[in-house]
Amino acid sequence: ETALVSQTPERQASTPFPGGVLVFSVLAFAAFLLFECWCFRKAKGVCASIRENELVTKAQDKLKMLNESSYWLDLPLYGGLGGTVLGFLIISIPKLEFLMVGGRVVAYMSTLLGIGATWWIQKKVVSPYKTKLMEQMAQEKKAHE
């Protein structure tokens, strides 16, 4: 009921920032989208630095390094969870009542972007590289026999 009341034209006109819900939602979406794109580039960079590391030659060691770098690869998920918390904080602040719908949009959108970006990184960056490392490990094992 509060969300419906806060969206009436009279109520919105009395807010310090009319039309703020749409602007806030668009800006929040853009910020989280940029963050998720940065995370994707960072994940690709982490995989590339492991792949190009000349000091580590064994596939098993590179796989271990990749597993130890999982916090970088899961960063979009953490960002999405942070956006969810931020959205619900916005909803709970009485002075920002006019952003109640915008807060929900931020909460749900950041969660979806975080889950989607994490899945995309795992599917397009990490899994193919892990598969390649597993194949190299099998070849290294055959070479040692």
C-alpha atoms as a PDB file:
ATOM      1  CA  GLU A   1       0.000   0.000   0.000  1.00  0.00           C
ATOM      2  CA  THR A   2       2.872   2.387   0.791  1.00  0.00           C
ATOM      3  CA  ALA A   3       4.389   1.797  -2.655  1.00  0.00           C
ATOM      4  CA  LEU A   4       1.084   2.630  -4.316  1.00  0.00           C
ATOM      5  CA  VAL A   5       0.626   5.756  -2.225  1.00  0.00           C
ATOM      6  CA  SER A   6       4.151   6.938  -2.952  1.00  0.00           C
ATOM      7  CA  GLN A   7       3.509   6.693  -6.676  1.00  0.00           C
ATOM      8  CA  THR A   8       0.448   8.975  -6.866  1.00  0.00           C
ATOM      9  CA  PRO A   9       1.070  12.158  -8.895  1.00  0.00           C
ATOM     10  CA  GLU A  10       0.351  14.413  -5.899  1.00  0.00           C
ATOM     11  CA  ARG A  11       2.737  12.476  -3.707  1.00  0.00           C
ATOM     12  CA  GLN A  12       5.446  12.346  -6.373  1.00  0.00           C
ATOM     13  CA  ALA A  13       5.150  16.080  -7.059  1.00  0.00           C
ATOM     14  CA  SER A  14       5.780  16.787  -3.392  1.00  0.00           C
ATOM     15  CA  THR A  15       8.995  14.780  -3.312  1.00  0.00           C
ATOM     16  CA  PRO A  16      12.336  16.568  -3.499  1.00  0.00           C
ATOM     17  CA  PHE A  17      13.122  14.784  -6.774  1.00  0.00           C
ATOM     18  CA  PRO A  18      10.070  14.238  -9.029  1.00  0.00           C
ATOM     19  CA  GLY A  19      10.586  11.416 -11.482  1.00  0.00           C
ATOM     20  CA  GLY A  20      13.399  10.208  -9.248  1.00  0.00           C
ATOM     21  CA  VAL A  21      12.363   6.574  -9.364  1.00  0.00           C
ATOM     22  CA  LEU A  22      13.005   6.212 -13.091  1.00  0.00           C
ATOM     23  CA  VAL A  23      16.215   8.226 -13.047  1.00  0.00           C
ATOM     24  CA  PHE A  24      17.478   6.406  -9.967  1.00  0.00           C
ATOM     25  CA  SER A  25      16.615   3.005 -11.435  1.00  0.00           C
ATOM     26  CA  VAL A  26      18.310   3.754 -14.753  1.00  0.00           C
ATOM     27  CA  LEU A  27      21.432   5.130 -13.082  1.00  0.00           C
ATOM     28  CA  ALA A  28      21.629   2.181 -10.686  1.00  0.00           C
ATOM     29  CA  PHE A  29      21.176  -0.270 -13.562  1.00  0.00           C
ATOM     30  CA  ALA A  30      23.920   1.467 -15.545  1.00  0.00           C
ATOM     31  CA  ALA A  31      26.275   1.462 -12.546  1.00  0.00           C
ATOM     32  CA  PHE A  32      25.756  -2.234 -11.853  1.00  0.00           C
ATOM     33  CA  LEU A  33      26.058  -3.089 -15.543  1.00  0.00           C
ATOM     34  CA  LEU A  34      29.397  -1.262 -15.704  1.00  0.00           C
ATOM     35  CA  PHE A  35      30.534  -3.055 -12.546  1.00  0.00           C
ATOM     36  CA  GLU A  36      29.599  -6.442 -14.002  1.00  0.00           C
ATOM     37  CA  CYS A  37      31.445  -5.625 -17.253  1.00  0.00           C
ATOM     38  CA  TRP A  38      34.525  -4.676 -15.218  1.00  0.00           C
ATOM     39  CA  CYS A  39      34.238  -7.990 -13.340  1.00  0.00           C
ATOM     40  CA  PHE A  40      34.075  -9.894 -16.622  1.00  0.00           C
ATOM     41  CA  ARG A  41      37.209  -8.156 -17.900  1.00  0.00           C
ATOM     42  CA  LYS A  42      38.951  -8.803 -14.577  1.00  0.00           C
ATOM     43  CA  ALA A  43      38.075 -12.514 -14.745  1.00  0.00           C
ATOM     44  CA  LYS A  44      39.436 -12.735 -18.283  1.00  0.00           C
ATOM     45  CA  GLY A  45      42.593 -10.971 -17.096  1.00  0.00           C
ATOM     46  CA  VAL A  46      43.040 -13.378 -14.188  1.00  0.00           C
ATOM     47  CA  CYS A  47      42.743 -16.370 -16.514  1.00  0.00           C
ATOM     48  CA  ALA A  48      45.114 -14.773 -19.014  1.00  0.00           C
ATOM     49  CA  SER A  49      47.723 -14.034 -16.345  1.00  0.00           C
ATOM     50  CA  ILE A  50      47.608 -17.651 -15.159  1.00  0.00           C
ATOM     51  CA  ARG A  51      47.782 -18.946 -18.739  1.00  0.00           C
ATOM     52  CA  GLU A  52      50.746 -16.702 -19.613  1.00  0.00           C
ATOM     53  CA  ASN A  53      52.668 -17.266 -16.374  1.00  0.00           C
ATOM     54  CA  GLU A  54      56.015 -18.625 -17.515  1.00  0.00           C
ATOM     55  CA  LEU A  55      57.157 -19.605 -14.021  1.00  0.00           C
ATOM     56  CA  VAL A  56      54.371 -22.159 -13.674  1.00  0.00           C
ATOM     57  CA  THR A  57      54.465 -24.765 -16.399  1.00  0.00           C
ATOM     58  CA  LYS A  58      52.487 -27.711 -15.025  1.00  0.00           C
ATOM     59  CA  ALA A  59      48.773 -27.762 -15.776  1.00  0.00           C
ATOM     60  CA  GLN A  60      48.030 -29.049 -12.278  1.00  0.00           C
ATOM     61  CA  ASP A  61      49.713 -25.989 -10.738  1.00  0.00           C
ATOM     62  CA  LYS A  62      47.850 -23.651 -13.083  1.00  0.00           C
ATOM     63  CA  LEU A  63      44.575 -25.337 -12.149  1.00  0.00           C
ATOM     64  CA  LYS A  64      45.420 -24.817  -8.485  1.00  0.00           C
ATOM     65  CA  MET A  65      46.147 -21.134  -9.179  1.00  0.00           C
ATOM     66  CA  LEU A  66      42.817 -20.815 -10.982  1.00  0.00           C
ATOM     67  CA  ASN A  67      40.967 -22.352  -8.041  1.00  0.00           C
ATOM     68  CA  GLU A  68      42.768 -20.009  -5.639  1.00  0.00           C
ATOM     69  CA  SER A  69      41.638 -17.034  -7.753  1.00  0.00           C
ATOM     70  CA  SER A  70      37.975 -17.890  -7.351  1.00  0.00           C
ATOM     71  CA  TYR A  71      37.252 -14.730  -5.362  1.00  0.00           C
ATOM     72  CA  TRP A  72      37.949 -12.668  -8.496  1.00  0.00           C
ATOM     73  CA  LEU A  73      35.804 -14.974 -10.572  1.00  0.00           C
ATOM     74  CA  ASP A  74      32.884 -14.734  -8.108  1.00  0.00           C
ATOM     75  CA  LEU A  75      33.138 -10.953  -7.713  1.00  0.00           C
ATOM     76  CA  PRO A  76      29.980 -10.241  -9.784  1.00  0.00           C
ATOM     77  CA  LEU A  77      27.972 -12.365  -7.382  1.00  0.00           C
ATOM     78  CA  TYR A  78      29.292 -10.396  -4.412  1.00  0.00           C
ATOM     79  CA  GLY A  79      28.513  -7.139  -6.217  1.00  0.00           C
ATOM     80  CA  GLY A  80      24.977  -8.335  -6.882  1.00  0.00           C
ATOM     81  CA  LEU A  81      24.512  -9.232  -3.226  1.00  0.00           C
ATOM     82  CA  GLY A  82      25.842  -5.818  -2.241  1.00  0.00           C
ATOM     83  CA  GLY A  83      23.338  -4.191  -4.574  1.00  0.00           C
ATOM     84  CA  THR A  84      20.570  -6.220  -2.996  1.00  0.00           C
ATOM     85  CA  VAL A  85      21.542  -4.987   0.463  1.00  0.00           C
ATOM     86  CA  LEU A  86      21.787  -1.419  -0.849  1.00  0.00           C
ATOM     87  CA  GLY A  87      18.338  -1.679  -2.437  1.00  0.00           C
ATOM     88  CA  PHE A  88      16.749  -2.898   0.760  1.00  0.00           C
ATOM     89  CA  LEU A  89      18.534  -0.187   2.760  1.00  0.00           C
ATOM     90  CA  ILE A  90      17.065   2.408   0.407  1.00  0.00           C
ATOM     91  CA  ILE A  91      13.618   0.919   0.953  1.00  0.00           C
ATOM     92  CA  SER A  92      14.021   1.139   4.733  1.00  0.00           C
ATOM     93  CA  ILE A  93      15.050   4.833   4.883  1.00  0.00           C
ATOM     94  CA  PRO A  94      11.890   6.900   5.522  1.00  0.00           C
ATOM     95  CA  LYS A  95      13.266  10.061   3.899  1.00  0.00           C
ATOM     96  CA  LEU A  96      13.755   8.126   0.658  1.00  0.00           C
ATOM     97  CA  GLU A  97      10.198   6.833   0.572  1.00  0.00           C
ATOM     98  CA  PHE A  98       9.787   8.116  -2.990  1.00  0.00           C
ATOM     99  CA  LEU A  99      12.548   5.690  -4.028  1.00  0.00           C
ATOM    100  CA  MET A 100      10.816   2.633  -2.556  1.00  0.00           C
ATOM    101  CA  VAL A 101      10.090   1.183  -5.994  1.00  0.00           C
ATOM    102  CA  GLY A 102      13.555   2.187  -7.194  1.00  0.00           C
ATOM    103  CA  GLY A 103      15.086   0.407  -4.210  1.00  0.00           C
ATOM    104  CA  ARG A 104      13.253  -2.777  -5.159  1.00  0.00           C
ATOM    105  CA  VAL A 105      14.416  -2.415  -8.742  1.00  0.00           C
ATOM    106  CA  VAL A 106      18.018  -2.043  -7.547  1.00  0.00           C
ATOM    107  CA  ALA A 107      17.703  -5.046  -5.236  1.00  0.00           C
ATOM    108  CA  TYR A 108      16.247  -7.408  -7.828  1.00  0.00           C
ATOM    109  CA  MET A 109      18.205  -6.116 -10.807  1.00  0.00           C
ATOM    110  CA  SER A 110      21.574  -6.273  -9.066  1.00  0.00           C
ATOM    111  CA  THR A 111      20.873  -9.823  -7.911  1.00  0.00           C
ATOM    112  CA  LEU A 112      19.950 -10.924 -11.417  1.00  0.00           C
ATOM    113  CA  LEU A 113      22.952  -9.161 -12.967  1.00  0.00           C
ATOM    114  CA  GLY A 114      25.304 -10.686 -10.391  1.00  0.00           C
ATOM    115  CA  ILE A 115      24.008 -14.210 -10.905  1.00  0.00           C
ATOM    116  CA  GLY A 116      23.974 -13.805 -14.690  1.00  0.00           C
ATOM    117  CA  ALA A 117      27.482 -12.352 -14.879  1.00  0.00           C
ATOM    118  CA  THR A 118      28.898 -15.032 -12.583  1.00  0.00           C
ATOM    119  CA  TRP A 119      27.272 -17.735 -14.698  1.00  0.00           C
ATOM    120  CA  TRP A 120      28.609 -16.127 -17.895  1.00  0.00           C
ATOM    121  CA  ILE A 121      32.149 -15.935 -16.498  1.00  0.00           C
ATOM    122  CA  GLN A 122      32.040 -19.572 -15.405  1.00  0.00           C
ATOM    123  CA  LYS A 123      30.559 -20.696 -18.743  1.00  0.00           C
ATOM    124  CA  LYS A 124      32.642 -18.600 -21.151  1.00  0.00           C
ATOM    125  CA  VAL A 125      35.943 -18.031 -19.341  1.00  0.00           C
ATOM    126  CA  VAL A 126      36.590 -20.488 -16.523  1.00  0.00           C
ATOM    127  CA  SER A 127      35.078 -23.761 -17.791  1.00  0.00           C
ATOM    128  CA  PRO A 128      36.838 -23.750 -21.178  1.00  0.00           C
ATOM    129  CA  TYR A 129      40.157 -22.956 -19.497  1.00  0.00           C
ATOM    130  CA  LYS A 130      39.651 -25.659 -16.848  1.00  0.00           C
ATOM    131  CA  THR A 131      38.817 -28.166 -19.588  1.00  0.00           C
ATOM    132  CA  LYS A 132      42.006 -27.227 -21.428  1.00  0.00           C
ATOM    133  CA  LEU A 133      44.061 -27.604 -18.236  1.00  0.00           C
ATOM    134  CA  MET A 134      42.508 -31.014 -17.525  1.00  0.00           C
ATOM    135  CA  GLU A 135      43.449 -32.147 -21.042  1.00  0.00           C
ATOM    136  CA  GLN A 136      47.001 -30.875 -20.499  1.00  0.00           C
ATOM    137  CA  MET A 137      47.173 -32.744 -17.187  1.00  0.00           C
ATOM    138  CA  ALA A 138      46.157 -35.954 -18.961  1.00  0.00           C
ATOM    139  CA  GLN A 139      48.834 -35.388 -21.611  1.00  0.00           C
ATOM    140  CA  GLU A 140      51.459 -34.648 -18.947  1.00  0.00           C
ATOM    141  CA  LYS A 141      50.499 -37.828 -17.115  1.00  0.00           C
ATOM    142  CA  LYS A 142      50.832 -39.892 -20.321  1.00  0.00           C
ATOM    143  CA  ALA A 143      54.204 -38.307 -21.048  1.00  0.00           C
ATOM    144  CA  HIS A 144      55.529 -39.324 -17.624  1.00  0.00           C
ATOM    145  CA  GLU A 145      54.451 -42.969 -17.995  1.00  0.00           C
END
